[in-house]
C-alpha atoms as a PDB file:
ATOM      1  CA  MET A   1       0.000   0.000   0.000  1.00  0.00           C
ATOM      2  CA  PHE A   2       1.356   3.458  -0.910  1.00  0.00           C
ATOM      3  CA  SER A   3       0.918   6.477   1.311  1.00  0.00           C
ATOM      4  CA  LYS A   4       1.706  10.148   0.813  1.00  0.00           C
ATOM      5  CA  GLU A   5       4.774  10.997   2.875  1.00  0.00           C
ATOM      6  CA  ARG A   6       5.600  14.620   2.032  1.00  0.00           C
ATOM      7  CA  GLU A   7       4.046  17.439   0.053  1.00  0.00           C
ATOM      8  CA  PRO A   8       6.008  20.742   0.109  1.00  0.00           C
ATOM      9  CA  ASN A   9       4.262  24.085   0.215  1.00  0.00           C
ATOM     10  CA  ARG A  10       4.398  26.393  -2.818  1.00  0.00           C
ATOM     11  CA  SER A  11       7.025  28.687  -1.348  1.00  0.00           C
ATOM     12  CA  GLU A  12       9.568  25.851  -1.088  1.00  0.00           C
ATOM     13  CA  THR A  13       9.903  25.202  -4.788  1.00  0.00           C
ATOM     14  CA  GLN A  14       8.266  25.645  -8.146  1.00  0.00           C
ATOM     15  CA  ARG A  15       8.223  21.909  -8.527  1.00  0.00           C
ATOM     16  CA  SER A  16       6.006  19.735  -6.389  1.00  0.00           C
ATOM     17  CA  VAL A  17       7.674  16.646  -4.966  1.00  0.00           C
ATOM     18  CA  THR A  18       5.606  13.828  -3.536  1.00  0.00           C
ATOM     19  CA  CYS A  19       7.241  10.800  -1.961  1.00  0.00           C
ATOM     20  CA  LEU A  20       5.324   7.539  -1.998  1.00  0.00           C
ATOM     21  CA  HIS A  21       6.506   4.422  -0.263  1.00  0.00           C
ATOM     22  CA  SER A  22       5.650   0.814   0.393  1.00  0.00           C
ATOM     23  CA  GLU A  23       7.532  -1.658   2.554  1.00  0.00           C
ATOM     24  CA  HIS A  24      10.531  -1.998   0.215  1.00  0.00           C
ATOM     25  CA  THR A  25      10.237   0.679  -2.471  1.00  0.00           C
ATOM     26  CA  TRP A  26      10.454   4.456  -2.551  1.00  0.00           C
ATOM     27  CA  ILE A  27       9.041   6.338  -5.528  1.00  0.00           C
ATOM     28  CA  ILE A  28       9.621  10.042  -5.988  1.00  0.00           C
ATOM     29  CA  LEU A  29       7.227  11.812  -8.328  1.00  0.00           C
ATOM     30  CA  ILE A  30       8.225  15.202  -9.674  1.00  0.00           C
ATOM     31  CA  SER A  31       5.521  17.261 -11.327  1.00  0.00           C
ATOM     32  CA  PRO A  32       5.294  20.911 -12.369  1.00  0.00           C
ATOM     33  CA  TRP A  33       4.073  23.257  -9.683  1.00  0.00           C
ATOM     34  CA  LEU A  34       0.487  24.192 -10.438  1.00  0.00           C
ATOM     35  CA  GLY A  35       0.843  27.932 -10.044  1.00  0.00           C
ATOM     36  CA  PRO A  36      -0.327  30.650 -12.414  1.00  0.00           C
ATOM     37  CA  ARG A  37      -0.802  29.453 -15.969  1.00  0.00           C
ATOM     38  CA  PRO A  38      -0.282  31.487 -19.118  1.00  0.00           C
ATOM     39  CA  ARG A  39      -3.397  32.785 -20.837  1.00  0.00           C
ATOM     40  CA  SER A  40      -4.004  34.271 -24.258  1.00  0.00           C
ATOM     41  CA  ILE A  41      -5.502  37.701 -24.825  1.00  0.00           C
ATOM     42  CA  SER A  42      -6.486  38.922 -28.296  1.00  0.00           C
ATOM     43  CA  LEU A  43      -6.426  42.670 -28.881  1.00  0.00           C
ATOM     44  CA  GLU A  44      -7.198  44.745 -31.957  1.00  0.00           C
ATOM     45  CA  LYS A  45      -4.369  47.046 -32.925  1.00  0.00           C
ATOM     46  CA  GLY A  46      -5.844  50.342 -34.010  1.00  0.00           C
ATOM     47  CA  SER A  47      -4.350  53.638 -35.098  1.00  0.00           C
ATOM     48  CA  GLU A  48      -3.391  54.373 -31.485  1.00  0.00           C
ATOM     49  CA  GLY A  49      -1.604  51.055 -30.939  1.00  0.00           C
ATOM     50  CA  LEU A  50      -2.477  48.191 -28.609  1.00  0.00           C
ATOM     51  CA  GLY A  51      -3.342  50.310 -25.577  1.00  0.00           C
ATOM     52  CA  PHE A  52      -0.475  49.519 -23.212  1.00  0.00           C
ATOM     53  CA  SER A  53       3.197  50.222 -22.569  1.00  0.00           C
ATOM     54  CA  ILE A  54       5.935  47.825 -21.516  1.00  0.00           C
ATOM     55  CA  VAL A  55       8.960  47.764 -19.233  1.00  0.00           C
ATOM     56  CA  GLY A  56      11.853  45.349 -18.778  1.00  0.00           C
ATOM     57  CA  GLY A  57      13.943  43.338 -21.185  1.00  0.00           C
ATOM     58  CA  PHE A  58      17.385  41.817 -21.184  1.00  0.00           C
ATOM     59  CA  GLY A  59      20.167  44.330 -20.741  1.00  0.00           C
ATOM     60  CA  SER A  60      17.881  46.814 -18.952  1.00  0.00           C
ATOM     61  CA  PRO A  61      19.407  49.163 -16.336  1.00  0.00           C
ATOM     62  CA  HIS A  62      17.832  46.968 -13.624  1.00  0.00           C
ATOM     63  CA  GLY A  63      19.303  43.735 -14.977  1.00  0.00           C
ATOM     64  CA  ASP A  64      17.928  41.040 -17.247  1.00  0.00           C
ATOM     65  CA  LEU A  65      14.161  41.125 -16.801  1.00  0.00           C
ATOM     66  CA  PRO A  66      11.166  39.636 -18.592  1.00  0.00           C
ATOM     67  CA  ILE A  67       8.871  41.996 -20.492  1.00  0.00           C
ATOM     68  CA  TYR A  68       6.062  43.338 -18.286  1.00  0.00           C
ATOM     69  CA  VAL A  69       3.021  45.534 -18.879  1.00  0.00           C
ATOM     70  CA  LYS A  70       3.809  48.955 -17.382  1.00  0.00           C
ATOM     71  CA  THR A  71       0.659  50.945 -18.121  1.00  0.00           C
ATOM     72  CA  VAL A  72      -2.732  49.947 -19.555  1.00  0.00           C
ATOM     73  CA  PHE A  73      -4.548  52.703 -21.443  1.00  0.00           C
ATOM     74  CA  THR A  74      -7.679  50.716 -22.354  1.00  0.00           C
ATOM     75  CA  ALA A  75      -9.748  49.451 -19.457  1.00  0.00           C
ATOM     76  CA  ASP A  76     -11.412  46.217 -20.567  1.00  0.00           C
ATOM     77  CA  GLY A  77      -9.844  44.405 -17.590  1.00  0.00           C
ATOM     78  CA  ARG A  78      -8.138  41.546 -19.425  1.00  0.00           C
ATOM     79  CA  LEU A  79      -4.630  42.994 -19.456  1.00  0.00           C
ATOM     80  CA  LYS A  80      -3.258  44.312 -16.168  1.00  0.00           C
ATOM     81  CA  ARG A  81      -0.248  46.247 -14.996  1.00  0.00           C
ATOM     82  CA  GLY A  82       2.452  43.759 -14.029  1.00  0.00           C
ATOM     83  CA  ASP A  83       1.355  41.016 -16.449  1.00  0.00           C
ATOM     84  CA  GLN A  84       4.377  39.324 -18.007  1.00  0.00           C
ATOM     85  CA  ILE A  85       4.188  39.109 -21.806  1.00  0.00           C
ATOM     86  CA  LEU A  86       5.550  35.730 -22.875  1.00  0.00           C
ATOM     87  CA  ALA A  87       4.816  35.883 -26.616  1.00  0.00           C
ATOM     88  CA  VAL A  88       3.225  38.076 -29.292  1.00  0.00           C
ATOM     89  CA  ASN A  89       1.375  36.202 -32.059  1.00  0.00           C
ATOM     90  CA  GLY A  90       3.453  33.143 -31.192  1.00  0.00           C
ATOM     91  CA  GLU A  91       6.790  34.993 -31.255  1.00  0.00           C
ATOM     92  CA  SER A  92       8.527  34.478 -27.910  1.00  0.00           C
ATOM     93  CA  LEU A  93       9.800  37.455 -25.943  1.00  0.00           C
ATOM     94  CA  GLN A  94      12.044  35.243 -23.818  1.00  0.00           C
ATOM     95  CA  GLY A  95      15.507  36.801 -23.804  1.00  0.00           C
ATOM     96  CA  ALA A  96      14.343  39.861 -25.773  1.00  0.00           C
ATOM     97  CA  THR A  97      15.758  43.301 -25.106  1.00  0.00           C
ATOM     98  CA  HIS A  98      13.298  46.137 -24.514  1.00  0.00           C
ATOM     99  CA  GLU A  99      13.953  47.447 -28.019  1.00  0.00           C
ATOM    100  CA  GLN A 100      13.355  44.023 -29.597  1.00  0.00           C
ATOM    101  CA  ALA A 101      10.059  43.649 -27.717  1.00  0.00           C
ATOM    102  CA  VAL A 102       8.916  47.110 -28.833  1.00  0.00           C
ATOM    103  CA  ALA A 103       9.800  46.268 -32.461  1.00  0.00           C
ATOM    104  CA  ILE A 104       7.871  42.977 -32.281  1.00  0.00           C
ATOM    105  CA  LEU A 105       4.802  44.757 -30.889  1.00  0.00           C
ATOM    106  CA  LYS A 106       5.002  47.620 -33.405  1.00  0.00           C
ATOM    107  CA  LYS A 107       5.191  45.366 -36.483  1.00  0.00           C
ATOM    108  CA  GLN A 108       1.892  43.639 -35.643  1.00  0.00           C
ATOM    109  CA  ARG A 109      -1.306  44.479 -37.551  1.00  0.00           C
ATOM    110  CA  GLY A 110      -4.982  43.721 -36.906  1.00  0.00           C
ATOM    111  CA  THR A 111      -5.711  41.142 -34.224  1.00  0.00           C
ATOM    112  CA  VAL A 112      -2.737  40.580 -31.916  1.00  0.00           C
ATOM    113  CA  THR A 113      -2.636  37.623 -29.537  1.00  0.00           C
ATOM    114  CA  LEU A 114      -0.572  37.996 -26.385  1.00  0.00           C
ATOM    115  CA  ASP A 115       0.425  35.076 -24.173  1.00  0.00           C
ATOM    116  CA  VAL A 116       0.612  36.530 -20.672  1.00  0.00           C
ATOM    117  CA  LEU A 117       1.271  35.410 -17.136  1.00  0.00           C
ATOM    118  CA  SER A 118      -0.549  37.328 -14.389  1.00  0.00           C
END
């Protein structure tokens, strides 16, 4: 018979470790921590842009940072200050400088899908 021996809290690690044991066997299961999950937001890019500004990027004065939403100008509630932008229309922003992220956002037309982490 297996029994749950240990389940760490979320602050310990971003991976959840559960130890199961029987009389003679130990099994360690490692699974992704079930924290915030990315979500997709589709926005229409109009003549005034997408309605938000960004901060961060690799090589920024504050160090290597992800790209975050700094200010939201349109208030539909889906995009929030502090959301991390992971990708724009499938193009990853991982490792992007601020300037590269701005260029990726500016080249988009019509419907723009953002993958974000709140």
